[in-house]
Amino acid sequence: MIEFDEDKWQINLPGNNQPKNYVIPTILLVGGLGAYNSTGFCSIFSNSLFSNWTTVKTSQPLINGFGAQSFSLLSYGSAALVLGGFLFFSAICNIGAGSIRFEKTNEQITLAFKGYPGKNERLFFSYSFRELQCIKILYTQTPVRTQSLFLVLEGSREIPIWSSQDPSKFIISESFITNLGLEMGFNTEIVDRARQN
């Protein structure tokens, strides 16, 4: 997918459906189900269901019945399962994918994003060229050098539209914004906070 399309004057934004966004939900689901919930339920059914699994004979069971420790383990496990499931659902639905289009004919900037299924599944925002003060390119060091693009509207409202820590994309995005400014008559501003500090 072309992120910066100069033929359509459009910025395409990837959503949550990326391989890196499946790592943490997987850890949460495995940890919640295995480490927490299984251990919590073991204490409840220790005398019947899980007694045959024990290889080391102890004179006294570690946990007798359902107590505070079991309750806390089940609580942590349930929270991990809910959070992991939510993050998986967000990645599968590709939340946040969308585009920002600059239309010269009707002088409109259209932002379209994919939301959660239901009433607000597609989110649309539209701004007039007259509302735009400039497009700002901001470089920060946190601790990796990051480039962010903002639409700066009237009243100094800043709308973040794109961000990357990939140095190979810095020049591409800067070139696109510069050409976009020349084509549409926008002001562009480059702020490098990493070098100011």
N, C-alpha and C. Protein backbone atom coordinates (compact mmCIF):
# COMPACT_ATOMS: atom_id res chain seq x y z
N MET A 1 0.84 -1.19 0.00
CA MET A 1 0.00 0.00 0.00
C MET A 1 0.88 1.25 0.00
N ILE A 2 0.61 2.18 -0.91
CA ILE A 2 1.36 3.43 -0.98
C ILE A 2 0.85 4.35 0.12
N GLU A 3 1.74 4.75 1.02
CA GLU A 3 1.30 5.62 2.11
C GLU A 3 1.09 7.05 1.64
N PHE A 4 1.96 7.51 0.72
CA PHE A 4 1.86 8.89 0.22
C PHE A 4 1.63 8.84 -1.28
N ASP A 5 0.41 9.11 -1.69
CA ASP A 5 0.01 9.00 -3.09
C ASP A 5 -0.14 10.40 -3.68
N GLU A 6 0.86 10.82 -4.48
CA GLU A 6 0.82 12.17 -5.06
C GLU A 6 -0.14 12.27 -6.24
N ASP A 7 -0.53 11.13 -6.83
CA ASP A 7 -1.50 11.17 -7.92
C ASP A 7 -2.88 11.60 -7.41
N LYS A 8 -3.26 11.08 -6.23
CA LYS A 8 -4.56 11.43 -5.64
C LYS A 8 -4.43 12.45 -4.51
N TRP A 9 -3.19 12.85 -4.17
CA TRP A 9 -2.92 13.71 -3.02
C TRP A 9 -3.63 13.14 -1.79
N GLN A 10 -3.18 11.94 -1.44
CA GLN A 10 -3.81 11.20 -0.37
C GLN A 10 -2.76 10.52 0.50
N ILE A 11 -2.99 10.50 1.81
CA ILE A 11 -2.15 9.77 2.76
C ILE A 11 -2.95 8.57 3.24
N ASN A 12 -2.44 7.36 3.00
CA ASN A 12 -3.11 6.14 3.43
C ASN A 12 -2.53 5.68 4.76
N LEU A 13 -3.39 5.43 5.72
CA LEU A 13 -2.95 5.08 7.06
C LEU A 13 -3.22 3.61 7.36
N PRO A 14 -2.19 2.87 7.81
CA PRO A 14 -2.41 1.47 8.18
C PRO A 14 -3.18 1.39 9.48
N GLY A 15 -3.93 0.31 9.66
CA GLY A 15 -4.68 0.13 10.89
C GLY A 15 -3.95 -0.77 11.86
N ASN A 16 -4.70 -1.37 12.78
CA ASN A 16 -4.12 -2.24 13.80
C ASN A 16 -3.78 -3.63 13.30
N ASN A 17 -4.21 -3.99 12.10
CA ASN A 17 -3.99 -5.34 11.59
C ASN A 17 -2.57 -5.49 11.05
N GLN A 18 -1.61 -5.49 11.99
CA GLN A 18 -0.20 -5.65 11.65
C GLN A 18 0.38 -6.73 12.56
N PRO A 19 1.37 -7.48 12.08
CA PRO A 19 1.91 -8.60 12.88
C PRO A 19 2.35 -8.19 14.28
N LYS A 20 2.95 -7.02 14.44
CA LYS A 20 3.44 -6.62 15.77
C LYS A 20 2.31 -6.42 16.76
N ASN A 21 1.09 -6.14 16.28
CA ASN A 21 -0.04 -5.92 17.18
C ASN A 21 -0.71 -7.21 17.65
N TYR A 22 -0.17 -8.37 17.25
CA TYR A 22 -0.68 -9.65 17.73
C TYR A 22 0.19 -10.23 18.83
N VAL A 23 1.35 -9.65 19.08
CA VAL A 23 2.29 -10.22 20.06
C VAL A 23 1.76 -10.07 21.48
N ILE A 24 1.43 -8.85 21.89
CA ILE A 24 0.98 -8.61 23.26
C ILE A 24 -0.35 -9.31 23.56
N PRO A 25 -1.37 -9.27 22.65
CA PRO A 25 -2.58 -10.03 22.94
C PRO A 25 -2.34 -11.52 23.13
N THR A 26 -1.41 -12.09 22.35
CA THR A 26 -1.10 -13.52 22.50
C THR A 26 -0.51 -13.80 23.86
N ILE A 27 0.43 -12.94 24.30
CA ILE A 27 1.05 -13.11 25.62
C ILE A 27 -0.01 -13.00 26.72
N LEU A 28 -0.91 -12.02 26.58
CA LEU A 28 -1.96 -11.84 27.59
C LEU A 28 -2.91 -13.03 27.64
N LEU A 29 -3.31 -13.54 26.48
CA LEU A 29 -4.23 -14.68 26.46
C LEU A 29 -3.58 -15.94 27.02
N VAL A 30 -2.33 -16.21 26.62
CA VAL A 30 -1.64 -17.40 27.13
C VAL A 30 -1.39 -17.26 28.63
N GLY A 31 -0.92 -16.08 29.05
CA GLY A 31 -0.67 -15.87 30.47
C GLY A 31 -1.93 -15.90 31.29
N GLY A 32 -3.00 -15.28 30.78
CA GLY A 32 -4.25 -15.25 31.53
C GLY A 32 -4.86 -16.62 31.67
N LEU A 33 -4.84 -17.39 30.59
CA LEU A 33 -5.46 -18.71 30.62
C LEU A 33 -4.58 -19.73 31.34
N GLY A 34 -3.30 -19.69 31.02
CA GLY A 34 -2.40 -20.70 31.57
C GLY A 34 -1.91 -20.40 32.97
N ALA A 35 -1.23 -19.27 33.12
CA ALA A 35 -0.55 -18.99 34.38
C ALA A 35 -1.51 -18.62 35.50
N TYR A 36 -2.51 -17.82 35.19
CA TYR A 36 -3.38 -17.32 36.25
C TYR A 36 -4.62 -18.18 36.48
N ASN A 37 -5.43 -18.33 35.44
CA ASN A 37 -6.69 -19.04 35.63
C ASN A 37 -6.49 -20.52 35.97
N SER A 38 -5.56 -21.17 35.28
CA SER A 38 -5.32 -22.59 35.58
C SER A 38 -4.86 -22.78 37.01
N THR A 39 -3.94 -21.92 37.45
CA THR A 39 -3.44 -22.03 38.82
C THR A 39 -4.55 -21.72 39.82
N GLY A 40 -5.37 -20.74 39.51
CA GLY A 40 -6.47 -20.40 40.40
C GLY A 40 -7.48 -21.52 40.53
N PHE A 41 -7.81 -22.17 39.40
CA PHE A 41 -8.77 -23.27 39.44
C PHE A 41 -8.16 -24.53 40.04
N CYS A 42 -6.84 -24.69 39.95
CA CYS A 42 -6.18 -25.85 40.55
C CYS A 42 -6.43 -25.90 42.05
N SER A 43 -6.43 -24.73 42.68
CA SER A 43 -6.63 -24.70 44.13
C SER A 43 -8.04 -25.11 44.52
N ILE A 44 -9.00 -24.84 43.63
CA ILE A 44 -10.39 -25.20 43.92
C ILE A 44 -10.60 -26.70 43.77
N PHE A 45 -10.04 -27.26 42.69
CA PHE A 45 -10.26 -28.67 42.40
C PHE A 45 -9.05 -29.53 42.75
N SER A 46 -8.22 -29.05 43.67
CA SER A 46 -6.95 -29.74 43.96
C SER A 46 -7.15 -31.14 44.50
N ASN A 47 -8.22 -31.35 45.20
CA ASN A 47 -8.42 -32.66 45.82
C ASN A 47 -9.00 -33.69 44.86
N SER A 48 -9.64 -33.24 43.78
CA SER A 48 -10.30 -34.21 42.91
C SER A 48 -9.70 -34.25 41.51
N LEU A 49 -9.84 -33.17 40.78
CA LEU A 49 -9.53 -33.18 39.36
C LEU A 49 -8.03 -33.20 39.08
N PHE A 50 -7.25 -32.37 39.80
CA PHE A 50 -5.85 -32.20 39.48
C PHE A 50 -4.92 -33.01 40.39
N SER A 51 -5.45 -33.87 41.23
CA SER A 51 -4.59 -34.60 42.16
C SER A 51 -3.68 -35.60 41.44
N ASN A 52 -4.13 -36.14 40.31
CA ASN A 52 -3.32 -37.10 39.57
C ASN A 52 -2.17 -36.45 38.81
N TRP A 53 -2.22 -35.15 38.65
CA TRP A 53 -1.16 -34.45 37.92
C TRP A 53 0.07 -34.20 38.78
N THR A 54 -0.06 -34.33 40.07
CA THR A 54 1.03 -34.00 40.98
C THR A 54 2.06 -35.11 40.95
N THR A 55 3.31 -34.76 40.69
CA THR A 55 4.38 -35.76 40.65
C THR A 55 5.17 -35.77 41.95
N VAL A 56 5.21 -34.65 42.66
CA VAL A 56 5.95 -34.55 43.91
C VAL A 56 4.95 -34.67 45.06
N LYS A 57 5.14 -35.62 45.94
CA LYS A 57 4.25 -35.81 47.08
C LYS A 57 4.68 -34.86 48.19
N THR A 58 3.74 -34.09 48.67
CA THR A 58 4.03 -33.17 49.78
C THR A 58 3.18 -33.57 50.97
N SER A 59 3.67 -33.27 52.14
CA SER A 59 2.93 -33.62 53.34
C SER A 59 1.70 -32.75 53.52
N GLN A 60 1.71 -31.57 52.90
CA GLN A 60 0.60 -30.63 53.07
C GLN A 60 0.36 -29.90 51.74
N PRO A 61 -0.88 -29.76 51.26
CA PRO A 61 -1.12 -29.03 50.01
C PRO A 61 -0.76 -27.56 50.17
N LEU A 62 -0.28 -26.97 49.04
CA LEU A 62 0.13 -25.56 49.08
C LEU A 62 -1.06 -24.64 49.31
N ILE A 63 -2.17 -24.93 48.66
CA ILE A 63 -3.34 -24.07 48.79
C ILE A 63 -4.53 -24.95 49.14
N ASN A 64 -5.19 -24.66 50.20
CA ASN A 64 -6.35 -25.43 50.60
C ASN A 64 -7.62 -24.69 50.23
N GLY A 65 -8.36 -25.23 49.24
CA GLY A 65 -9.64 -24.63 48.89
C GLY A 65 -9.51 -23.29 48.22
N PHE A 66 -10.65 -22.64 48.12
CA PHE A 66 -10.72 -21.34 47.43
C PHE A 66 -10.48 -20.23 48.44
N GLY A 67 -9.35 -19.57 48.34
CA GLY A 67 -9.02 -18.49 49.27
C GLY A 67 -8.66 -17.22 48.54
N ALA A 68 -8.01 -16.31 49.26
CA ALA A 68 -7.65 -15.01 48.70
C ALA A 68 -6.67 -15.15 47.55
N GLN A 69 -5.75 -16.10 47.67
CA GLN A 69 -4.76 -16.29 46.61
C GLN A 69 -5.43 -16.79 45.33
N SER A 70 -6.35 -17.70 45.44
CA SER A 70 -7.09 -18.21 44.29
C SER A 70 -7.90 -17.10 43.63
N PHE A 71 -8.56 -16.32 44.48
CA PHE A 71 -9.39 -15.22 43.97
C PHE A 71 -8.54 -14.21 43.20
N SER A 72 -7.36 -13.86 43.73
CA SER A 72 -6.51 -12.88 43.04
C SER A 72 -5.98 -13.44 41.73
N LEU A 73 -5.61 -14.73 41.72
CA LEU A 73 -5.12 -15.34 40.48
C LEU A 73 -6.21 -15.37 39.41
N LEU A 74 -7.43 -15.72 39.81
CA LEU A 74 -8.54 -15.73 38.86
C LEU A 74 -8.87 -14.32 38.37
N SER A 75 -8.75 -13.34 39.25
CA SER A 75 -9.01 -11.94 38.85
C SER A 75 -7.99 -11.47 37.82
N TYR A 76 -6.70 -11.73 38.10
CA TYR A 76 -5.65 -11.34 37.15
C TYR A 76 -5.82 -12.06 35.81
N GLY A 77 -6.14 -13.35 35.88
CA GLY A 77 -6.33 -14.12 34.66
C GLY A 77 -7.50 -13.63 33.84
N SER A 78 -8.60 -13.31 34.52
CA SER A 78 -9.78 -12.80 33.81
C SER A 78 -9.50 -11.45 33.16
N ALA A 79 -8.80 -10.57 33.89
CA ALA A 79 -8.45 -9.26 33.34
C ALA A 79 -7.54 -9.41 32.12
N ALA A 80 -6.58 -10.34 32.19
CA ALA A 80 -5.68 -10.57 31.06
C ALA A 80 -6.45 -11.11 29.85
N LEU A 81 -7.42 -11.99 30.09
CA LEU A 81 -8.22 -12.54 28.99
C LEU A 81 -9.07 -11.46 28.34
N VAL A 82 -9.68 -10.60 29.15
CA VAL A 82 -10.53 -9.53 28.59
C VAL A 82 -9.69 -8.56 27.78
N LEU A 83 -8.55 -8.12 28.34
CA LEU A 83 -7.69 -7.17 27.64
C LEU A 83 -7.09 -7.79 26.38
N GLY A 84 -6.62 -9.03 26.48
CA GLY A 84 -6.06 -9.71 25.30
C GLY A 84 -7.10 -9.90 24.21
N GLY A 85 -8.33 -10.27 24.60
CA GLY A 85 -9.41 -10.43 23.63
C GLY A 85 -9.76 -9.12 22.95
N PHE A 86 -9.79 -8.04 23.73
CA PHE A 86 -10.09 -6.72 23.16
C PHE A 86 -9.02 -6.30 22.15
N LEU A 87 -7.74 -6.51 22.49
CA LEU A 87 -6.66 -6.15 21.58
C LEU A 87 -6.68 -7.01 20.32
N PHE A 88 -7.00 -8.30 20.45
CA PHE A 88 -7.13 -9.17 19.29
C PHE A 88 -8.27 -8.69 18.39
N PHE A 89 -9.39 -8.37 19.00
CA PHE A 89 -10.55 -7.89 18.24
C PHE A 89 -10.21 -6.61 17.48
N SER A 90 -9.47 -5.68 18.13
CA SER A 90 -9.07 -4.43 17.47
C SER A 90 -8.15 -4.70 16.28
N ALA A 91 -7.24 -5.67 16.44
CA ALA A 91 -6.32 -5.99 15.34
C ALA A 91 -7.05 -6.66 14.19
N ILE A 92 -7.96 -7.59 14.50
CA ILE A 92 -8.69 -8.30 13.45
C ILE A 92 -9.60 -7.34 12.67
N CYS A 93 -10.23 -6.41 13.38
CA CYS A 93 -11.12 -5.43 12.73
C CYS A 93 -10.35 -4.32 12.02
N ASN A 94 -9.01 -4.28 12.20
CA ASN A 94 -8.16 -3.28 11.55
C ASN A 94 -8.59 -1.85 11.91
N ILE A 95 -8.79 -1.62 13.20
CA ILE A 95 -9.23 -0.31 13.69
C ILE A 95 -8.16 0.73 13.38
N GLY A 96 -8.59 1.89 12.94
CA GLY A 96 -7.68 3.00 12.67
C GLY A 96 -7.22 3.12 11.23
N ALA A 97 -7.50 2.11 10.41
CA ALA A 97 -7.12 2.19 9.00
C ALA A 97 -7.95 3.28 8.33
N GLY A 98 -7.33 4.01 7.44
CA GLY A 98 -8.08 5.07 6.76
C GLY A 98 -7.23 5.86 5.80
N SER A 99 -7.71 7.04 5.48
CA SER A 99 -7.00 7.89 4.53
C SER A 99 -7.30 9.37 4.81
N ILE A 100 -6.38 10.21 4.39
CA ILE A 100 -6.55 11.66 4.46
C ILE A 100 -6.38 12.18 3.05
N ARG A 101 -7.43 12.78 2.51
CA ARG A 101 -7.43 13.21 1.11
C ARG A 101 -7.54 14.72 1.03
N PHE A 102 -6.71 15.29 0.17
CA PHE A 102 -6.72 16.74 -0.08
C PHE A 102 -7.32 16.98 -1.47
N GLU A 103 -8.53 17.54 -1.50
CA GLU A 103 -9.26 17.72 -2.75
C GLU A 103 -9.21 19.20 -3.16
N LYS A 104 -8.48 19.46 -4.24
CA LYS A 104 -8.28 20.83 -4.68
C LYS A 104 -9.54 21.43 -5.30
N THR A 105 -10.35 20.60 -5.95
CA THR A 105 -11.53 21.11 -6.68
C THR A 105 -12.54 21.76 -5.73
N ASN A 106 -12.85 21.08 -4.61
CA ASN A 106 -13.80 21.68 -3.67
C ASN A 106 -13.14 22.21 -2.40
N GLU A 107 -11.79 22.25 -2.40
CA GLU A 107 -11.00 22.81 -1.31
C GLU A 107 -11.39 22.20 0.04
N GLN A 108 -11.35 20.88 0.09
CA GLN A 108 -11.71 20.15 1.30
C GLN A 108 -10.61 19.15 1.68
N ILE A 109 -10.41 18.99 2.97
CA ILE A 109 -9.54 17.94 3.50
C ILE A 109 -10.46 16.92 4.16
N THR A 110 -10.45 15.69 3.67
CA THR A 110 -11.35 14.66 4.18
C THR A 110 -10.54 13.59 4.90
N LEU A 111 -10.90 13.33 6.15
CA LEU A 111 -10.28 12.29 6.95
C LEU A 111 -11.30 11.18 7.16
N ALA A 112 -10.96 9.96 6.76
CA ALA A 112 -11.86 8.82 6.90
C ALA A 112 -11.12 7.69 7.61
N PHE A 113 -11.70 7.19 8.70
CA PHE A 113 -11.08 6.14 9.49
C PHE A 113 -12.07 5.02 9.76
N LYS A 114 -11.53 3.84 9.99
CA LYS A 114 -12.36 2.69 10.35
C LYS A 114 -12.42 2.59 11.86
N GLY A 115 -13.65 2.58 12.40
CA GLY A 115 -13.86 2.44 13.83
C GLY A 115 -14.36 1.05 14.17
N TYR A 116 -14.91 0.91 15.37
CA TYR A 116 -15.45 -0.37 15.80
C TYR A 116 -16.78 -0.64 15.11
N PRO A 117 -17.11 -1.92 14.87
CA PRO A 117 -18.38 -2.24 14.21
C PRO A 117 -19.57 -1.67 14.96
N GLY A 118 -20.54 -1.22 14.20
CA GLY A 118 -21.73 -0.64 14.81
C GLY A 118 -22.04 0.72 14.21
N LYS A 119 -22.60 1.59 15.03
CA LYS A 119 -23.06 2.89 14.58
C LYS A 119 -21.93 3.75 14.00
N ASN A 120 -20.77 3.72 14.65
CA ASN A 120 -19.63 4.56 14.23
C ASN A 120 -18.53 3.74 13.56
N GLU A 121 -18.93 2.82 12.68
CA GLU A 121 -17.93 1.97 12.04
C GLU A 121 -17.03 2.78 11.11
N ARG A 122 -17.58 3.76 10.43
CA ARG A 122 -16.78 4.64 9.57
C ARG A 122 -16.85 6.06 10.13
N LEU A 123 -15.69 6.63 10.41
CA LEU A 123 -15.61 7.97 10.97
C LEU A 123 -15.10 8.93 9.89
N PHE A 124 -15.86 9.98 9.63
CA PHE A 124 -15.50 10.97 8.62
C PHE A 124 -15.37 12.35 9.26
N PHE A 125 -14.32 13.06 8.88
CA PHE A 125 -14.14 14.45 9.29
C PHE A 125 -13.77 15.23 8.05
N SER A 126 -14.27 16.44 7.95
CA SER A 126 -13.99 17.27 6.78
C SER A 126 -13.65 18.69 7.23
N TYR A 127 -12.62 19.25 6.63
CA TYR A 127 -12.17 20.61 6.94
C TYR A 127 -11.95 21.37 5.64
N SER A 128 -12.23 22.65 5.68
CA SER A 128 -12.01 23.51 4.52
C SER A 128 -10.56 23.97 4.48
N PHE A 129 -10.06 24.24 3.29
CA PHE A 129 -8.71 24.78 3.15
C PHE A 129 -8.54 26.07 3.95
N ARG A 130 -9.63 26.84 4.07
CA ARG A 130 -9.54 28.12 4.78
C ARG A 130 -9.27 27.93 6.28
N GLU A 131 -9.65 26.76 6.82
CA GLU A 131 -9.42 26.49 8.24
C GLU A 131 -7.98 26.09 8.53
N LEU A 132 -7.23 25.71 7.49
CA LEU A 132 -5.89 25.18 7.68
C LEU A 132 -4.86 26.30 7.75
N GLN A 133 -4.14 26.37 8.85
CA GLN A 133 -3.05 27.34 8.97
C GLN A 133 -1.78 26.82 8.31
N CYS A 134 -1.44 25.57 8.61
CA CYS A 134 -0.26 24.96 8.00
C CYS A 134 -0.26 23.46 8.25
N ILE A 135 0.65 22.78 7.59
CA ILE A 135 0.92 21.37 7.87
C ILE A 135 2.29 21.33 8.52
N LYS A 136 2.33 20.78 9.74
CA LYS A 136 3.57 20.79 10.51
C LYS A 136 4.21 19.41 10.52
N ILE A 137 5.52 19.39 10.28
CA ILE A 137 6.33 18.18 10.40
C ILE A 137 7.16 18.34 11.67
N LEU A 138 6.96 17.43 12.62
CA LEU A 138 7.62 17.53 13.92
C LEU A 138 8.54 16.33 14.12
N TYR A 139 9.81 16.61 14.44
CA TYR A 139 10.78 15.57 14.78
C TYR A 139 11.03 15.61 16.28
N THR A 140 10.94 14.45 16.92
CA THR A 140 11.23 14.34 18.35
C THR A 140 12.16 13.16 18.59
N GLN A 141 12.79 13.16 19.76
CA GLN A 141 13.71 12.10 20.15
C GLN A 141 13.19 11.48 21.44
N THR A 142 12.53 10.30 21.36
CA THR A 142 11.86 9.75 22.55
C THR A 142 11.94 8.24 22.68
N PRO A 143 13.02 7.54 22.93
CA PRO A 143 14.41 7.91 22.68
C PRO A 143 14.79 7.73 21.22
N VAL A 144 13.90 7.09 20.42
CA VAL A 144 14.14 6.92 18.99
C VAL A 144 13.64 8.16 18.26
N ARG A 145 14.35 8.55 17.22
CA ARG A 145 13.92 9.72 16.42
C ARG A 145 12.59 9.41 15.73
N THR A 146 11.61 10.27 15.96
CA THR A 146 10.26 10.07 15.44
C THR A 146 9.83 11.28 14.62
N GLN A 147 9.18 11.00 13.50
CA GLN A 147 8.61 12.07 12.66
C GLN A 147 7.09 11.99 12.75
N SER A 148 6.45 13.13 13.02
CA SER A 148 4.99 13.20 13.10
C SER A 148 4.49 14.32 12.21
N LEU A 149 3.33 14.09 11.58
CA LEU A 149 2.70 15.11 10.74
C LEU A 149 1.42 15.58 11.42
N PHE A 150 1.20 16.90 11.39
CA PHE A 150 0.02 17.49 12.01
C PHE A 150 -0.66 18.46 11.04
N LEU A 151 -2.00 18.46 11.07
CA LEU A 151 -2.76 19.54 10.45
C LEU A 151 -2.98 20.58 11.52
N VAL A 152 -2.50 21.80 11.28
CA VAL A 152 -2.69 22.88 12.25
C VAL A 152 -3.84 23.74 11.75
N LEU A 153 -4.96 23.73 12.50
CA LEU A 153 -6.15 24.46 12.11
C LEU A 153 -6.24 25.79 12.85
N GLU A 154 -7.30 26.55 12.54
CA GLU A 154 -7.52 27.83 13.22
C GLU A 154 -7.58 27.63 14.72
N GLY A 155 -7.03 28.59 15.46
CA GLY A 155 -7.00 28.46 16.91
C GLY A 155 -5.88 27.56 17.39
N SER A 156 -4.92 27.29 16.51
CA SER A 156 -3.75 26.44 16.82
C SER A 156 -4.14 25.03 17.24
N ARG A 157 -5.25 24.52 16.72
CA ARG A 157 -5.62 23.12 16.97
C ARG A 157 -4.76 22.23 16.09
N GLU A 158 -4.13 21.26 16.70
CA GLU A 158 -3.26 20.35 15.97
C GLU A 158 -3.90 18.96 15.90
N ILE A 159 -4.06 18.45 14.68
CA ILE A 159 -4.62 17.12 14.47
C ILE A 159 -3.51 16.21 13.96
N PRO A 160 -3.10 15.21 14.77
CA PRO A 160 -2.06 14.28 14.29
C PRO A 160 -2.59 13.41 13.16
N ILE A 161 -1.83 13.31 12.07
CA ILE A 161 -2.30 12.53 10.92
C ILE A 161 -1.39 11.36 10.56
N TRP A 162 -0.15 11.39 11.01
CA TRP A 162 0.77 10.31 10.64
C TRP A 162 2.00 10.37 11.54
N SER A 163 2.58 9.22 11.84
CA SER A 163 3.79 9.17 12.66
C SER A 163 4.60 7.94 12.28
N SER A 164 5.93 8.09 12.32
CA SER A 164 6.80 6.96 11.98
C SER A 164 8.15 7.11 12.66
N GLN A 165 8.76 5.96 12.96
CA GLN A 165 10.12 5.93 13.49
C GLN A 165 11.09 5.33 12.47
N ASP A 166 10.61 5.15 11.23
CA ASP A 166 11.42 4.57 10.17
C ASP A 166 12.11 5.70 9.41
N PRO A 167 13.45 5.84 9.54
CA PRO A 167 14.16 6.96 8.88
C PRO A 167 14.01 6.95 7.36
N SER A 168 13.78 5.79 6.75
CA SER A 168 13.63 5.74 5.29
C SER A 168 12.37 6.45 4.81
N LYS A 169 11.39 6.63 5.70
CA LYS A 169 10.14 7.29 5.32
C LYS A 169 10.16 8.79 5.59
N PHE A 170 11.15 9.26 6.32
CA PHE A 170 11.21 10.69 6.66
C PHE A 170 11.29 11.56 5.41
N ILE A 171 12.19 11.21 4.49
CA ILE A 171 12.39 12.01 3.27
C ILE A 171 11.17 11.92 2.37
N ILE A 172 10.57 10.71 2.28
CA ILE A 172 9.38 10.53 1.42
C ILE A 172 8.23 11.40 1.91
N SER A 173 7.97 11.37 3.20
CA SER A 173 6.85 12.16 3.75
C SER A 173 7.14 13.65 3.66
N GLU A 174 8.39 14.04 3.90
CA GLU A 174 8.75 15.47 3.82
C GLU A 174 8.60 15.97 2.38
N SER A 175 9.00 15.15 1.42
CA SER A 175 8.85 15.52 0.01
C SER A 175 7.38 15.63 -0.37
N PHE A 176 6.55 14.68 0.11
CA PHE A 176 5.12 14.72 -0.18
C PHE A 176 4.48 15.99 0.38
N ILE A 177 4.79 16.32 1.63
CA ILE A 177 4.19 17.50 2.27
C ILE A 177 4.64 18.77 1.57
N THR A 178 5.91 18.84 1.17
CA THR A 178 6.42 20.02 0.46
C THR A 178 5.72 20.19 -0.88
N ASN A 179 5.62 19.09 -1.65
CA ASN A 179 4.93 19.15 -2.94
C ASN A 179 3.44 19.45 -2.77
N LEU A 180 2.84 18.90 -1.71
CA LEU A 180 1.43 19.17 -1.43
C LEU A 180 1.21 20.66 -1.13
N GLY A 181 2.13 21.24 -0.36
CA GLY A 181 2.04 22.67 -0.05
C GLY A 181 2.15 23.53 -1.29
N LEU A 182 3.05 23.16 -2.19
CA LEU A 182 3.20 23.92 -3.44
C LEU A 182 1.98 23.77 -4.34
N GLU A 183 1.42 22.55 -4.39
CA GLU A 183 0.27 22.27 -5.25
C GLU A 183 -1.01 22.95 -4.74
N MET A 184 -1.23 22.86 -3.42
CA MET A 184 -2.48 23.35 -2.84
C MET A 184 -2.38 24.77 -2.27
N GLY A 185 -1.17 25.30 -2.18
CA GLY A 185 -1.00 26.63 -1.60
C GLY A 185 -1.01 26.62 -0.08
N PHE A 186 -0.57 25.49 0.54
CA PHE A 186 -0.52 25.40 2.00
C PHE A 186 0.82 25.90 2.51
N ASN A 187 0.81 26.40 3.75
CA ASN A 187 2.06 26.68 4.45
C ASN A 187 2.54 25.40 5.11
N THR A 188 3.85 25.18 5.09
CA THR A 188 4.42 24.01 5.76
C THR A 188 5.44 24.49 6.78
N GLU A 189 5.54 23.74 7.86
CA GLU A 189 6.46 24.11 8.96
C GLU A 189 7.18 22.85 9.42
N ILE A 190 8.50 22.95 9.56
CA ILE A 190 9.30 21.83 10.04
C ILE A 190 9.91 22.21 11.37
N VAL A 191 9.59 21.43 12.41
CA VAL A 191 10.11 21.68 13.76
C VAL A 191 10.91 20.46 14.18
N ASP A 192 12.18 20.68 14.52
CA ASP A 192 13.07 19.59 14.92
C ASP A 192 13.44 19.78 16.39
N ARG A 193 12.61 19.23 17.28
CA ARG A 193 12.88 19.36 18.71
C ARG A 193 14.07 18.50 19.16
N ALA A 194 14.37 17.47 18.37
CA ALA A 194 15.49 16.60 18.72
C ALA A 194 16.80 17.37 18.68
N ARG A 195 16.94 18.30 17.73
CA ARG A 195 18.19 19.06 17.61
C ARG A 195 18.20 20.31 18.47
N GLN A 196 17.00 20.74 18.92
CA GLN A 196 16.94 21.93 19.76
C GLN A 196 17.41 21.63 21.17
N ASN A 197 17.22 20.36 21.61
CA ASN A 197 17.59 20.00 23.00
C ASN A 197 19.09 19.78 23.13
